[in-house]
C-alpha atoms as a PDB file:
ATOM      1  CA  MET A   1      61.689 -61.053  68.657  1.00  0.00           C
ATOM      2  CA  ALA A   2      58.815 -63.094  70.071  1.00  0.00           C
ATOM      3  CA  ILE A   3      55.683 -61.341  71.305  1.00  0.00           C
ATOM      4  CA  VAL A   4      52.797 -62.857  73.228  1.00  0.00           C
ATOM      5  CA  LEU A   5      49.523 -61.599  71.766  1.00  0.00           C
ATOM      6  CA  PHE A   6      46.096 -61.353  73.369  1.00  0.00           C
ATOM      7  CA  ASP A   7      42.741 -60.516  71.805  1.00  0.00           C
ATOM      8  CA  TRP A   8      40.227 -59.839  74.579  1.00  0.00           C
ATOM      9  CA  GLY A   9      36.593 -60.536  73.760  1.00  0.00           C
ATOM     10  CA  GLY A  10      33.445 -60.738  75.817  1.00  0.00           C
ATOM     11  CA  THR A  11      33.247 -64.534  75.627  1.00  0.00           C
ATOM     12  CA  SER A  12      36.788 -65.657  74.847  1.00  0.00           C
ATOM     13  CA  ILE A  13      40.420 -64.585  75.027  1.00  0.00           C
ATOM     14  CA  LYS A  14      42.392 -65.476  71.908  1.00  0.00           C
ATOM     15  CA  HIS A  15      46.144 -65.676  72.235  1.00  0.00           C
ATOM     16  CA  GLY A  16      49.272 -66.651  70.370  1.00  0.00           C
ATOM     17  CA  VAL A  17      52.895 -65.824  69.665  1.00  0.00           C
ATOM     18  CA  TRP A  18      54.300 -63.621  66.907  1.00  0.00           C
ATOM     19  CA  GLN A  19      57.766 -64.680  65.801  1.00  0.00           C
ATOM     20  CA  GLN A  20      59.723 -63.856  62.644  1.00  0.00           C
ATOM     21  CA  GLY A  21      56.706 -62.188  61.056  1.00  0.00           C
ATOM     22  CA  ALA A  22      54.317 -65.081  61.617  1.00  0.00           C
ATOM     23  CA  LEU A  23      51.526 -65.941  64.018  1.00  0.00           C
ATOM     24  CA  VAL A  24      52.186 -69.266  65.723  1.00  0.00           C
ATOM     25  CA  GLN A  25      50.580 -71.500  68.326  1.00  0.00           C
ATOM     26  CA  THR A  26      47.219 -69.746  68.576  1.00  0.00           C
ATOM     27  CA  ALA A  27      44.556 -70.861  71.040  1.00  0.00           C
ATOM     28  CA  SER A  28      41.682 -69.427  73.073  1.00  0.00           C
ATOM     29  CA  THR A  29      40.189 -69.650  76.534  1.00  0.00           C
ATOM     30  CA  LYS A  30      37.010 -68.457  78.184  1.00  0.00           C
ATOM     31  CA  THR A  31      37.034 -64.828  79.295  1.00  0.00           C
ATOM     32  CA  PRO A  32      37.494 -64.693  83.089  1.00  0.00           C
ATOM     33  CA  ALA A  33      34.766 -63.145  85.228  1.00  0.00           C
ATOM     34  CA  THR A  34      36.984 -60.733  87.203  1.00  0.00           C
ATOM     35  CA  TRP A  35      40.151 -58.694  86.748  1.00  0.00           C
ATOM     36  CA  ALA A  36      41.973 -60.813  89.323  1.00  0.00           C
ATOM     37  CA  ALA A  37      41.048 -63.966  87.410  1.00  0.00           C
ATOM     38  CA  MET A  38      42.041 -62.302  84.133  1.00  0.00           C
ATOM     39  CA  LYS A  39      45.511 -61.464  85.482  1.00  0.00           C
ATOM     40  CA  SER A  40      45.978 -65.021  86.674  1.00  0.00           C
ATOM     41  CA  THR A  41      44.928 -66.369  83.273  1.00  0.00           C
ATOM     42  CA  LEU A  42      47.278 -64.024  81.412  1.00  0.00           C
ATOM     43  CA  GLN A  43      50.167 -65.028  83.656  1.00  0.00           C
ATOM     44  CA  ASP A  44      49.487 -68.724  83.077  1.00  0.00           C
ATOM     45  CA  ILE A  45      49.405 -68.239  79.306  1.00  0.00           C
ATOM     46  CA  LEU A  46      52.591 -66.154  79.338  1.00  0.00           C
ATOM     47  CA  GLN A  47      54.432 -68.749  81.418  1.00  0.00           C
ATOM     48  CA  HIS A  48      53.255 -71.477  79.046  1.00  0.00           C
ATOM     49  CA  TYR A  49      54.766 -69.661  76.062  1.00  0.00           C
ATOM     50  CA  GLN A  50      57.942 -68.790  77.940  1.00  0.00           C
ATOM     51  CA  ARG A  51      58.756 -72.494  78.184  1.00  0.00           C
ATOM     52  CA  THR A  52      59.208 -72.513  74.392  1.00  0.00           C
ATOM     53  CA  TYR A  53      60.023 -68.934  73.374  1.00  0.00           C
ATOM     54  CA  THR A  54      62.138 -66.045  74.609  1.00  0.00           C
ATOM     55  CA  ILE A  55      59.399 -63.467  75.014  1.00  0.00           C
ATOM     56  CA  ASP A  56      60.269 -59.813  74.405  1.00  0.00           C
ATOM     57  CA  GLY A  57      56.903 -58.250  75.148  1.00  0.00           C
ATOM     58  CA  ILE A  58      53.121 -58.470  75.257  1.00  0.00           C
ATOM     59  CA  SER A  59      50.584 -56.829  72.977  1.00  0.00           C
ATOM     60  CA  VAL A  60      46.848 -56.676  73.574  1.00  0.00           C
ATOM     61  CA  SER A  61      43.856 -56.054  71.337  1.00  0.00           C
ATOM     62  CA  ALA A  62      41.017 -54.889  73.589  1.00  0.00           C
ATOM     63  CA  PRO A  63      37.465 -53.590  73.329  1.00  0.00           C
ATOM     64  CA  GLY A  64      36.532 -50.087  74.442  1.00  0.00           C
ATOM     65  CA  ASN A  65      37.937 -46.612  73.906  1.00  0.00           C
ATOM     66  CA  VAL A  66      41.624 -47.460  74.247  1.00  0.00           C
ATOM     67  CA  ASP A  67      44.115 -44.663  74.897  1.00  0.00           C
ATOM     68  CA  PRO A  68      47.487 -46.329  74.160  1.00  0.00           C
ATOM     69  CA  GLU A  69      49.542 -43.340  75.312  1.00  0.00           C
ATOM     70  CA  ALA A  70      47.820 -43.137  78.699  1.00  0.00           C
ATOM     71  CA  GLY A  71      47.571 -46.917  78.995  1.00  0.00           C
ATOM     72  CA  VAL A  72      43.899 -46.696  79.939  1.00  0.00           C
ATOM     73  CA  ILE A  73      40.708 -48.122  78.427  1.00  0.00           C
ATOM     74  CA  GLY A  74      37.768 -45.723  78.564  1.00  0.00           C
ATOM     75  CA  GLY A  75      34.200 -46.176  77.413  1.00  0.00           C
ATOM     76  CA  LEU A  76      32.243 -49.386  77.896  1.00  0.00           C
ATOM     77  CA  SER A  77      32.657 -52.917  76.597  1.00  0.00           C
ATOM     78  CA  ALA A  78      31.617 -56.524  77.071  1.00  0.00           C
ATOM     79  CA  ILE A  79      34.418 -56.845  79.679  1.00  0.00           C
ATOM     80  CA  PRO A  80      33.310 -54.320  82.327  1.00  0.00           C
ATOM     81  CA  TYR A  81      36.284 -54.682  84.678  1.00  0.00           C
ATOM     82  CA  ILE A  82      39.007 -53.452  82.278  1.00  0.00           C
ATOM     83  CA  HIS A  83      38.023 -49.782  82.223  1.00  0.00           C
ATOM     84  CA  ARG A  84      39.287 -46.533  83.736  1.00  0.00           C
ATOM     85  CA  PHE A  85      42.487 -47.482  85.510  1.00  0.00           C
ATOM     86  CA  ALA A  86      46.171 -47.698  84.532  1.00  0.00           C
ATOM     87  CA  ILE A  87      45.800 -51.131  83.001  1.00  0.00           C
ATOM     88  CA  VAL A  88      49.043 -51.093  80.989  1.00  0.00           C
ATOM     89  CA  ASP A  89      51.102 -50.124  84.048  1.00  0.00           C
ATOM     90  CA  GLU A  90      49.491 -52.934  86.019  1.00  0.00           C
ATOM     91  CA  LEU A  91      50.130 -55.505  83.279  1.00  0.00           C
ATOM     92  CA  THR A  92      53.717 -54.332  82.870  1.00  0.00           C
ATOM     93  CA  ALA A  93      54.373 -54.753  86.595  1.00  0.00           C
ATOM     94  CA  LEU A  94      52.578 -58.109  86.634  1.00  0.00           C
ATOM     95  CA  CYS A  95      54.472 -59.635  83.712  1.00  0.00           C
ATOM     96  CA  GLY A  96      57.813 -57.814  83.896  1.00  0.00           C
ATOM     97  CA  LEU A  97      57.702 -57.118  80.152  1.00  0.00           C
ATOM     98  CA  PRO A  98      56.836 -54.175  77.886  1.00  0.00           C
ATOM     99  CA  VAL A  99      53.099 -54.062  77.143  1.00  0.00           C
ATOM    100  CA  CYS A 100      51.263 -52.411  74.232  1.00  0.00           C
ATOM    101  CA  ILE A 101      47.502 -52.095  73.957  1.00  0.00           C
ATOM    102  CA  GLU A 102      45.171 -51.067  71.134  1.00  0.00           C
ATOM    103  CA  ASN A 103      41.462 -51.089  70.380  1.00  0.00           C
ATOM    104  CA  ASP A 104      40.380 -54.298  68.633  1.00  0.00           C
ATOM    105  CA  ALA A 105      38.956 -52.637  65.501  1.00  0.00           C
ATOM    106  CA  ASN A 106      42.058 -50.461  65.249  1.00  0.00           C
ATOM    107  CA  ALA A 107      44.284 -53.516  65.614  1.00  0.00           C
ATOM    108  CA  ALA A 108      42.479 -55.247  62.753  1.00  0.00           C
ATOM    109  CA  ALA A 109      42.872 -52.121  60.619  1.00  0.00           C
ATOM    110  CA  ILE A 110      46.600 -51.935  61.388  1.00  0.00           C
ATOM    111  CA  ALA A 111      47.012 -55.577  60.322  1.00  0.00           C
ATOM    112  CA  GLU A 112      45.129 -55.139  57.068  1.00  0.00           C
ATOM    113  CA  ALA A 113      46.816 -51.849  56.164  1.00  0.00           C
ATOM    114  CA  ALA A 114      50.351 -53.006  56.924  1.00  0.00           C
ATOM    115  CA  LEU A 115      50.300 -56.615  55.760  1.00  0.00           C
ATOM    116  CA  GLY A 116      46.889 -57.540  54.400  1.00  0.00           C
ATOM    117  CA  ALA A 117      44.383 -56.242  51.865  1.00  0.00           C
ATOM    118  CA  GLY A 118      45.691 -52.654  52.094  1.00  0.00           C
ATOM    119  CA  LYS A 119      49.399 -53.457  51.913  1.00  0.00           C
ATOM    120  CA  ASP A 120      51.438 -50.864  49.952  1.00  0.00           C
ATOM    121  CA  LYS A 121      48.461 -48.481  49.787  1.00  0.00           C
ATOM    122  CA  PRO A 122      49.052 -45.173  51.603  1.00  0.00           C
ATOM    123  CA  HIS A 123      45.418 -44.254  52.374  1.00  0.00           C
ATOM    124  CA  VAL A 124      43.222 -47.012  53.768  1.00  0.00           C
ATOM    125  CA  LEU A 125      39.844 -47.064  55.499  1.00  0.00           C
ATOM    126  CA  PHE A 126      38.763 -50.110  57.456  1.00  0.00           C
ATOM    127  CA  VAL A 127      35.044 -50.728  58.030  1.00  0.00           C
ATOM    128  CA  ILE A 128      34.015 -53.482  60.409  1.00  0.00           C
ATOM    129  CA  ALA A 129      30.375 -54.546  60.212  1.00  0.00           C
ATOM    130  CA  GLY A 130      28.963 -56.551  63.098  1.00  0.00           C
ATOM    131  CA  SER A 131      26.103 -55.632  65.393  1.00  0.00           C
ATOM    132  CA  GLY A 132      27.087 -52.052  64.534  1.00  0.00           C
ATOM    133  CA  ILE A 133      29.557 -50.298  62.254  1.00  0.00           C
ATOM    134  CA  GLY A 134      33.064 -49.457  63.431  1.00  0.00           C
ATOM    135  CA  GLY A 135      36.232 -48.629  61.638  1.00  0.00           C
ATOM    136  CA  ALA A 136      39.561 -46.928  61.396  1.00  0.00           C
ATOM    137  CA  ILE A 137      41.594 -44.582  59.208  1.00  0.00           C
ATOM    138  CA  VAL A 138      45.172 -45.542  58.372  1.00  0.00           C
ATOM    139  CA  LYS A 139      47.597 -43.265  56.538  1.00  0.00           C
ATOM    140  CA  ASN A 140      51.027 -44.624  55.585  1.00  0.00           C
ATOM    141  CA  ASN A 141      50.496 -47.454  58.087  1.00  0.00           C
ATOM    142  CA  VAL A 142      49.838 -44.981  60.920  1.00  0.00           C
ATOM    143  CA  LEU A 143      46.473 -45.012  62.650  1.00  0.00           C
ATOM    144  CA  GLN A 144      44.713 -41.627  62.593  1.00  0.00           C
ATOM    145  CA  ARG A 145      42.950 -40.991  65.907  1.00  0.00           C
ATOM    146  CA  GLY A 146      41.607 -37.462  65.527  1.00  0.00           C
ATOM    147  CA  SER A 147      41.484 -34.676  68.114  1.00  0.00           C
ATOM    148  CA  HIS A 148      39.103 -36.548  70.426  1.00  0.00           C
ATOM    149  CA  LYS A 149      40.139 -40.098  69.457  1.00  0.00           C
ATOM    150  CA  TYR A 150      36.841 -40.638  67.633  1.00  0.00           C
ATOM    151  CA  ALA A 151      38.272 -40.940  64.129  1.00  0.00           C
ATOM    152  CA  GLY A 152      36.857 -44.057  62.513  1.00  0.00           C
ATOM    153  CA  GLU A 153      33.551 -44.116  64.382  1.00  0.00           C
ATOM    154  CA  PHE A 154      31.789 -44.412  61.030  1.00  0.00           C
ATOM    155  CA  GLY A 155      28.717 -46.040  62.548  1.00  0.00           C
ATOM    156  CA  LEU A 156      27.683 -42.709  64.080  1.00  0.00           C
ATOM    157  CA  MET A 157      27.173 -41.093  60.651  1.00  0.00           C
ATOM    158  CA  THR A 158      23.539 -40.050  60.187  1.00  0.00           C
ATOM    159  CA  LEU A 159      22.187 -41.425  56.906  1.00  0.00           C
ATOM    160  CA  ASP A 160      18.399 -41.099  56.960  1.00  0.00           C
ATOM    161  CA  ASN A 161      15.893 -39.274  59.189  1.00  0.00           C
ATOM    162  CA  GLY A 162      18.202 -39.281  62.173  1.00  0.00           C
ATOM    163  CA  LYS A 163      19.145 -42.948  61.805  1.00  0.00           C
ATOM    164  CA  THR A 164      22.807 -43.828  61.740  1.00  0.00           C
ATOM    165  CA  PHE A 165      24.930 -46.088  59.572  1.00  0.00           C
ATOM    166  CA  SER A 166      24.927 -48.636  62.417  1.00  0.00           C
ATOM    167  CA  GLU A 167      21.140 -48.500  62.689  1.00  0.00           C
ATOM    168  CA  LEU A 168      20.587 -48.971  58.952  1.00  0.00           C
ATOM    169  CA  GLY A 169      23.545 -50.678  57.298  1.00  0.00           C
ATOM    170  CA  THR A 170      24.127 -53.901  59.217  1.00  0.00           C
ATOM    171  CA  ALA A 171      22.826 -57.439  58.846  1.00  0.00           C
ATOM    172  CA  VAL A 172      21.576 -57.166  62.439  1.00  0.00           C
ATOM    173  CA  ALA A 173      19.492 -54.108  61.531  1.00  0.00           C
ATOM    174  CA  MET A 174      18.241 -55.910  58.418  1.00  0.00           C
ATOM    175  CA  ALA A 175      17.102 -58.876  60.508  1.00  0.00           C
ATOM    176  CA  ARG A 176      15.408 -56.583  63.009  1.00  0.00           C
ATOM    177  CA  ARG A 177      13.418 -54.883  60.224  1.00  0.00           C
ATOM    178  CA  TYR A 178      12.392 -58.223  58.736  1.00  0.00           C
ATOM    179  CA  ASN A 179      11.294 -59.663  62.079  1.00  0.00           C
ATOM    180  CA  GLN A 180       9.226 -56.547  62.819  1.00  0.00           C
ATOM    181  CA  ARG A 181       7.495 -56.745  59.430  1.00  0.00           C
ATOM    182  CA  VAL A 182       6.530 -60.405  59.727  1.00  0.00           C
ATOM    183  CA  SER A 183       5.902 -60.277  63.507  1.00  0.00           C
ATOM    184  CA  ALA A 184       8.184 -63.274  63.936  1.00  0.00           C
ATOM    185  CA  ALA A 185       7.514 -65.304  67.087  1.00  0.00           C
ATOM    186  CA  ASN A 186      11.068 -66.642  66.839  1.00  0.00           C
ATOM    187  CA  PRO A 187      13.266 -63.830  65.472  1.00  0.00           C
ATOM    188  CA  LEU A 188      15.524 -64.839  62.593  1.00  0.00           C
ATOM    189  CA  SER A 189      19.183 -63.898  62.186  1.00  0.00           C
ATOM    190  CA  GLY A 190      20.695 -61.973  59.304  1.00  0.00           C
ATOM    191  CA  GLU A 191      22.091 -65.205  57.913  1.00  0.00           C
ATOM    192  CA  HIS A 192      18.582 -66.671  57.758  1.00  0.00           C
ATOM    193  CA  ILE A 193      17.241 -63.538  56.048  1.00  0.00           C
ATOM    194  CA  PHE A 194      19.848 -63.851  53.273  1.00  0.00           C
ATOM    195  CA  GLN A 195      18.876 -67.505  52.816  1.00  0.00           C
ATOM    196  CA  LEU A 196      15.169 -66.646  52.628  1.00  0.00           C
ATOM    197  CA  ALA A 197      15.912 -63.971  50.025  1.00  0.00           C
ATOM    198  CA  GLN A 198      17.775 -66.508  47.887  1.00  0.00           C
ATOM    199  CA  HIS A 199      14.730 -68.780  48.066  1.00  0.00           C
ATOM    200  CA  GLY A 200      12.358 -66.066  46.877  1.00  0.00           C
ATOM    201  CA  ASP A 201      10.863 -64.635  50.083  1.00  0.00           C
ATOM    202  CA  PRO A 202       9.742 -61.167  48.860  1.00  0.00           C
ATOM    203  CA  ILE A 203      10.027 -59.423  52.241  1.00  0.00           C
ATOM    204  CA  ALA A 204      13.484 -60.885  52.784  1.00  0.00           C
ATOM    205  CA  GLN A 205      14.490 -59.750  49.296  1.00  0.00           C
ATOM    206  CA  GLN A 206      13.308 -56.218  50.050  1.00  0.00           C
ATOM    207  CA  GLU A 207      15.233 -56.092  53.312  1.00  0.00           C
ATOM    208  CA  VAL A 208      18.395 -57.498  51.742  1.00  0.00           C
ATOM    209  CA  GLU A 209      18.142 -54.809  49.080  1.00  0.00           C
ATOM    210  CA  GLN A 210      17.743 -52.183  51.808  1.00  0.00           C
ATOM    211  CA  PHE A 211      20.835 -53.572  53.533  1.00  0.00           C
ATOM    212  CA  TYR A 212      22.841 -53.309  50.295  1.00  0.00           C
ATOM    213  CA  HIS A 213      21.518 -49.787  49.708  1.00  0.00           C
ATOM    214  CA  TRP A 214      22.458 -48.404  53.113  1.00  0.00           C
ATOM    215  CA  MET A 215      25.815 -50.123  53.137  1.00  0.00           C
ATOM    216  CA  ALA A 216      26.557 -48.591  49.723  1.00  0.00           C
ATOM    217  CA  VAL A 217      25.398 -45.133  50.865  1.00  0.00           C
ATOM    218  CA  GLY A 218      27.654 -45.296  53.900  1.00  0.00           C
ATOM    219  CA  LEU A 219      30.667 -46.472  51.894  1.00  0.00           C
ATOM    220  CA  LEU A 220      30.170 -43.802  49.229  1.00  0.00           C
ATOM    221  CA  ASN A 221      29.992 -41.120  51.932  1.00  0.00           C
ATOM    222  CA  LEU A 222      33.300 -42.380  53.304  1.00  0.00           C
ATOM    223  CA  GLN A 223      34.855 -42.418  49.849  1.00  0.00           C
ATOM    224  CA  VAL A 224      33.965 -38.819  49.029  1.00  0.00           C
ATOM    225  CA  CYS A 225      34.995 -37.623  52.511  1.00  0.00           C
ATOM    226  CA  TYR A 226      38.392 -39.337  52.654  1.00  0.00           C
ATOM    227  CA  ASP A 227      39.151 -40.417  49.056  1.00  0.00           C
ATOM    228  CA  PRO A 228      41.116 -43.488  50.220  1.00  0.00           C
ATOM    229  CA  ASP A 229      42.969 -45.914  47.969  1.00  0.00           C
ATOM    230  CA  CYS A 230      40.647 -48.643  49.251  1.00  0.00           C
ATOM    231  CA  ILE A 231      37.994 -49.431  51.818  1.00  0.00           C
ATOM    232  CA  ILE A 232      38.501 -52.794  53.521  1.00  0.00           C
ATOM    233  CA  ILE A 233      35.432 -54.595  54.821  1.00  0.00           C
ATOM    234  CA  GLY A 234      35.735 -56.733  57.947  1.00  0.00           C
ATOM    235  CA  GLY A 235      33.372 -58.319  60.413  1.00  0.00           C
ATOM    236  CA  GLY A 236      30.867 -61.130  60.021  1.00  0.00           C
ATOM    237  CA  ILE A 237      29.713 -60.232  56.511  1.00  0.00           C
ATOM    238  CA  SER A 238      33.266 -60.409  55.172  1.00  0.00           C
ATOM    239  CA  ALA A 239      33.113 -64.209  55.402  1.00  0.00           C
ATOM    240  CA  ASN A 240      30.375 -64.334  52.738  1.00  0.00           C
ATOM    241  CA  LYS A 241      31.619 -63.419  49.265  1.00  0.00           C
ATOM    242  CA  ALA A 242      28.079 -63.358  47.856  1.00  0.00           C
ATOM    243  CA  ILE A 243      27.115 -60.607  50.317  1.00  0.00           C
ATOM    244  CA  PHE A 244      30.254 -58.676  49.433  1.00  0.00           C
ATOM    245  CA  ALA A 245      29.360 -58.976  45.721  1.00  0.00           C
ATOM    246  CA  GLY A 246      25.889 -57.586  46.451  1.00  0.00           C
ATOM    247  CA  ILE A 247      27.344 -54.583  48.268  1.00  0.00           C
ATOM    248  CA  GLU A 248      29.817 -53.959  45.472  1.00  0.00           C
ATOM    249  CA  GLN A 249      27.106 -54.149  42.798  1.00  0.00           C
ATOM    250  CA  ARG A 250      24.859 -51.702  44.665  1.00  0.00           C
ATOM    251  CA  LEU A 251      27.790 -49.331  45.138  1.00  0.00           C
ATOM    252  CA  HIS A 252      28.489 -49.406  41.398  1.00  0.00           C
ATOM    253  CA  THR A 253      24.834 -48.558  40.767  1.00  0.00           C
ATOM    254  CA  LEU A 254      24.850 -45.704  43.267  1.00  0.00           C
ATOM    255  CA  VAL A 255      28.038 -44.189  41.826  1.00  0.00           C
ATOM    256  CA  SER A 256      26.484 -44.338  38.366  1.00  0.00           C
ATOM    257  CA  GLU A 257      23.243 -42.735  39.601  1.00  0.00           C
ATOM    258  CA  LYS A 258      25.209 -39.861  41.120  1.00  0.00           C
ATOM    259  CA  GLY A 259      27.222 -39.349  37.928  1.00  0.00           C
ATOM    260  CA  LEU A 260      30.551 -39.835  39.712  1.00  0.00           C
ATOM    261  CA  THR A 261      32.438 -40.921  36.621  1.00  0.00           C
ATOM    262  CA  GLU A 262      35.887 -39.890  37.902  1.00  0.00           C
ATOM    263  CA  PHE A 263      36.313 -42.864  40.204  1.00  0.00           C
ATOM    264  CA  MET A 264      34.848 -46.071  41.479  1.00  0.00           C
ATOM    265  CA  PRO A 265      35.483 -46.775  45.168  1.00  0.00           C
ATOM    266  CA  GLU A 266      37.710 -49.805  45.595  1.00  0.00           C
ATOM    267  CA  ILE A 267      36.325 -52.045  48.290  1.00  0.00           C
ATOM    268  CA  CYS A 268      37.912 -55.312  49.282  1.00  0.00           C
ATOM    269  CA  LEU A 269      37.508 -58.040  51.839  1.00  0.00           C
ATOM    270  CA  CYS A 270      39.808 -58.235  54.822  1.00  0.00           C
ATOM    271  CA  GLN A 271      42.559 -60.803  54.346  1.00  0.00           C
ATOM    272  CA  TYR A 272      43.120 -62.029  57.882  1.00  0.00           C
ATOM    273  CA  GLY A 273      39.574 -62.582  59.124  1.00  0.00           C
ATOM    274  CA  SER A 274      39.416 -63.729  62.735  1.00  0.00           C
ATOM    275  CA  GLU A 275      43.207 -63.455  63.139  1.00  0.00           C
ATOM    276  CA  ALA A 276      43.346 -59.757  62.200  1.00  0.00           C
ATOM    277  CA  ASN A 277      43.194 -58.508  65.804  1.00  0.00           C
ATOM    278  CA  LEU A 278      46.128 -60.662  66.922  1.00  0.00           C
ATOM    279  CA  ILE A 279      48.228 -59.779  63.874  1.00  0.00           C
ATOM    280  CA  GLY A 280      47.419 -56.101  64.318  1.00  0.00           C
ATOM    281  CA  ALA A 281      48.487 -56.295  67.949  1.00  0.00           C
ATOM    282  CA  ALA A 282      51.829 -57.691  66.778  1.00  0.00           C
ATOM    283  CA  VAL A 283      52.330 -54.979  64.164  1.00  0.00           C
ATOM    284  CA  ASN A 284      51.354 -52.334  66.727  1.00  0.00           C
ATOM    285  CA  PHE A 285      54.027 -53.611  69.129  1.00  0.00           C
ATOM    286  CA  GLU A 286      56.687 -53.663  66.413  1.00  0.00           C
ATOM    287  CA  GLN A 287      55.823 -50.128  65.338  1.00  0.00           C
ATOM    288  CA  LYS A 288      55.962 -48.716  68.864  1.00  0.00           C
ATOM    289  CA  MET A 289      58.794 -50.801  70.248  1.00  0.00           C
ATOM    290  CA  PRO A 290      61.109 -51.530  67.306  1.00  0.00           C
ATOM    291  CA  ARG A 291      63.868 -54.089  67.565  1.00  0.00           C
ATOM    292  CA  GLY A 292      66.923 -52.786  69.380  1.00  0.00           C
END
C-alpha cells in the first residue's frame, strides 16, 4: 500500500509517500492562495508520485476543526478557503482515490501514540505548544473526540484569574510578558528570552521561571484529570531539550509541593518532530481503510 500524504499549513504544504511503514520522498511547496489553485497543486503532486508508485489513497493533515466522518473542516485556520464545505467528497472526486482527513494536532498525536514516544502505552495525552496550547487524547491508539469534538483543547483550561493555559504557559506568552515589562522597541522572541535568561538577565529569568511554572501547572492538571501513562510534548519547544528539562524539573517540584507521592507524571518529547503530522496522516488512513 502506498499513500500520498499532505500536511496543510498556512505558509507551506508538506507532502510525501507512505510505503511499507516508512515515509519516503518528502518535500514541500508554498501554500496556494485559492482553493482552485490548491486543487491544481494537489493534482500535480499526486501525478508526480503516481509515476513512481501505485497509489492506493490520499491522507491529509489539516488545520481547523476537522470532522472526519462528515468530511468537513469547521472553525477557522490560516487557510481560510478550506472551511465549511464537503471537502473530502470534492477531493475524492478530483483524485479518483479514497481520501482521509484529520486535524493536524490530532494527526501528530496519532503518530506519536501508535509509533512514536507513546508506542505500546494504552493511555496517552499529546500536548502541542506553539503560539497556543493544543492537544489530543489517545486511548489504545484511538483518538478520543468527546461529545462536541472538543476533547484535547487543553489550551482553554483556566489556570489563573481567568487566564488560560494558552495565555500563560507558552513561550509566546512569556515573550509578550517580557516585552511589556521592558517596553521593548523591538519585541524579542521566546528563543531570545531563553538566551537572555541563560546570560543572567533577571527579568528574563523571572519570565522563564513563570513559563516553567504555568506549563507545570497545566501538565499536572492534565495528569490528575486523565491519569495517562505519559504526556507527550510537541511543538516548537520540543526541539530544545534544555527547555524540556526545565519543565520537567518544575513539575517534579510542584508534585512534591502538593504531596502527590503516589506518582510522578511521565512527560516525554515527541519522537517525530516536524514529520509527525504526515506520519499521523498515514496511520489514520491505515486505521480507517485497512488493507484489503
